[in-house]
Amino acid sequence: MRSVPIPVDASKLAITCVKAARPRVLNRDTGEIKTDKDGNTVYEVTVSVEDELGRIELVKIGITGEPPIKAGDAVNAVGLLGYVWEMAGRWGISYRASALLPAREAADA
């Protein structure tokens, strides 16, 4: 079953990088790194996401290429999509963005 991407309105979210980007590992035994359809390395970034009611969650966002952010940076998630998945009776949401930029750079652009 293929998941349909759901656009996420990040304009009302405060997103902060809590762990620097690292390549996403597909297989821990072999060390195989995930790549996109063009062969580019897919990175994952752990961020805290706070909504307008003050609720906070830690999530990982996947992105092609290493983003120019570091732990502690306020982040603008450009083109943020959520994918609902289900496997063996479990389900969750994975996130992917077309870009993760420091919020100050995104405001200047």
Protein backbone atom coordinates (compact mmCIF):
# COMPACT_ATOMS: atom_id res chain seq x y z
CA MET A 1 0.00 0.00 0.00
CA ARG A 2 1.41 3.38 -1.00
CA SER A 3 0.83 6.35 1.27
CA VAL A 4 -0.55 9.60 -0.14
CA PRO A 5 1.39 12.68 1.04
CA ILE A 6 -0.53 15.17 3.16
CA PRO A 7 0.71 18.80 3.10
CA VAL A 8 1.45 20.18 6.57
CA ASP A 9 0.86 23.89 7.26
CA ALA A 10 4.07 24.68 9.14
CA SER A 11 3.28 28.41 9.37
CA LYS A 12 1.61 27.95 12.76
CA LEU A 13 4.33 25.69 14.16
CA ALA A 14 7.52 26.57 16.03
CA ILE A 15 10.12 24.07 14.80
CA THR A 16 13.52 23.77 16.49
CA CYS A 17 16.38 21.46 15.50
CA VAL A 18 17.32 19.32 18.51
CA LYS A 19 19.73 16.90 16.82
CA ALA A 20 21.90 17.63 13.80
CA ALA A 21 21.19 15.98 10.45
CA ARG A 22 22.60 12.54 9.84
CA PRO A 23 22.28 10.10 6.94
CA ARG A 24 19.29 7.79 7.32
CA VAL A 25 20.38 4.19 7.79
CA LEU A 26 18.22 1.59 6.01
CA ASN A 27 19.95 -1.48 7.39
CA ARG A 28 21.85 -1.31 10.69
CA ASP A 29 23.57 -4.64 10.04
CA THR A 30 25.07 -3.59 6.70
CA GLY A 31 25.20 0.18 7.29
CA GLU A 32 23.27 0.77 4.06
CA ILE A 33 22.33 4.47 3.72
CA LYS A 34 19.01 5.53 2.19
CA THR A 35 19.16 7.40 -1.10
CA ASP A 36 16.48 9.09 -3.20
CA LYS A 37 15.58 8.11 -6.76
CA ASP A 38 18.48 10.23 -8.07
CA GLY A 39 21.05 8.58 -5.79
CA ASN A 40 21.32 11.51 -3.33
CA THR A 41 21.73 10.74 0.37
CA VAL A 42 18.58 11.14 2.47
CA TYR A 43 19.19 12.76 5.85
CA GLU A 44 16.99 12.78 8.92
CA VAL A 45 16.77 15.66 11.36
CA THR A 46 15.22 15.40 14.81
CA VAL A 47 13.18 18.49 15.64
CA SER A 48 10.79 19.65 18.34
CA VAL A 49 7.50 20.91 16.98
CA GLU A 50 5.33 23.22 19.08
CA ASP A 51 1.81 24.06 17.97
CA GLU A 52 -0.17 27.21 18.78
CA LEU A 53 -1.61 25.56 21.92
CA GLY A 54 1.87 24.90 23.33
CA ARG A 55 1.86 21.13 22.70
CA ILE A 56 5.33 19.84 21.83
CA GLU A 57 6.37 16.67 19.99
CA LEU A 58 9.72 15.33 18.85
CA VAL A 59 9.67 14.20 15.22
CA LYS A 60 12.18 13.23 12.56
CA ILE A 61 12.01 14.95 9.20
CA GLY A 62 13.60 13.38 6.13
CA ILE A 63 15.30 15.56 3.54
CA THR A 64 17.48 15.00 0.50
CA GLY A 65 20.93 16.48 1.06
CA GLU A 66 22.40 17.80 4.29
CA PRO A 67 20.48 20.90 5.46
CA PRO A 68 22.33 24.03 6.67
CA ILE A 69 21.00 23.80 10.24
CA LYS A 70 22.40 22.78 13.61
CA ALA A 71 21.01 21.87 17.03
CA GLY A 72 19.30 24.87 18.61
CA ASP A 73 18.35 26.55 15.33
CA ALA A 74 14.77 27.68 14.78
CA VAL A 75 13.81 26.01 11.50
CA ASN A 76 11.54 26.74 8.56
CA ALA A 77 10.31 23.45 7.04
CA VAL A 78 9.67 24.17 3.36
CA GLY A 79 7.26 21.83 1.55
CA LEU A 80 6.59 19.73 4.66
CA LEU A 81 4.59 16.57 3.92
CA GLY A 82 3.25 13.87 6.22
CA TYR A 83 2.91 10.24 5.15
CA VAL A 84 0.67 7.90 7.18
CA TRP A 85 2.09 4.37 7.27
CA GLU A 86 0.93 1.03 8.63
CA MET A 87 2.94 -2.13 9.15
CA ALA A 88 2.09 -5.29 11.10
CA GLY A 89 -0.77 -3.62 12.97
CA ARG A 90 1.28 -0.54 13.89
CA TRP A 91 0.96 2.86 12.27
CA GLY A 92 2.54 6.27 12.37
CA ILE A 93 3.34 9.37 10.37
CA SER A 94 6.65 10.00 8.67
CA TYR A 95 7.63 13.50 7.59
CA ARG A 96 9.57 14.78 4.61
CA ALA A 97 10.49 18.34 3.59
CA SER A 98 11.90 19.78 0.38
CA ALA A 99 14.15 22.08 2.48
CA LEU A 100 14.97 22.77 6.12
CA LEU A 101 16.35 26.28 6.52
CA PRO A 102 17.37 28.34 9.54
CA ALA A 103 14.31 30.53 10.26
CA ARG A 104 16.36 33.73 10.02
CA GLU A 105 17.52 32.83 6.47
CA ALA A 106 14.01 31.89 5.38
CA ALA A 107 12.74 35.28 6.63
CA ASP A 108 15.45 37.07 4.65
CA ALA A 109 14.67 35.16 1.43
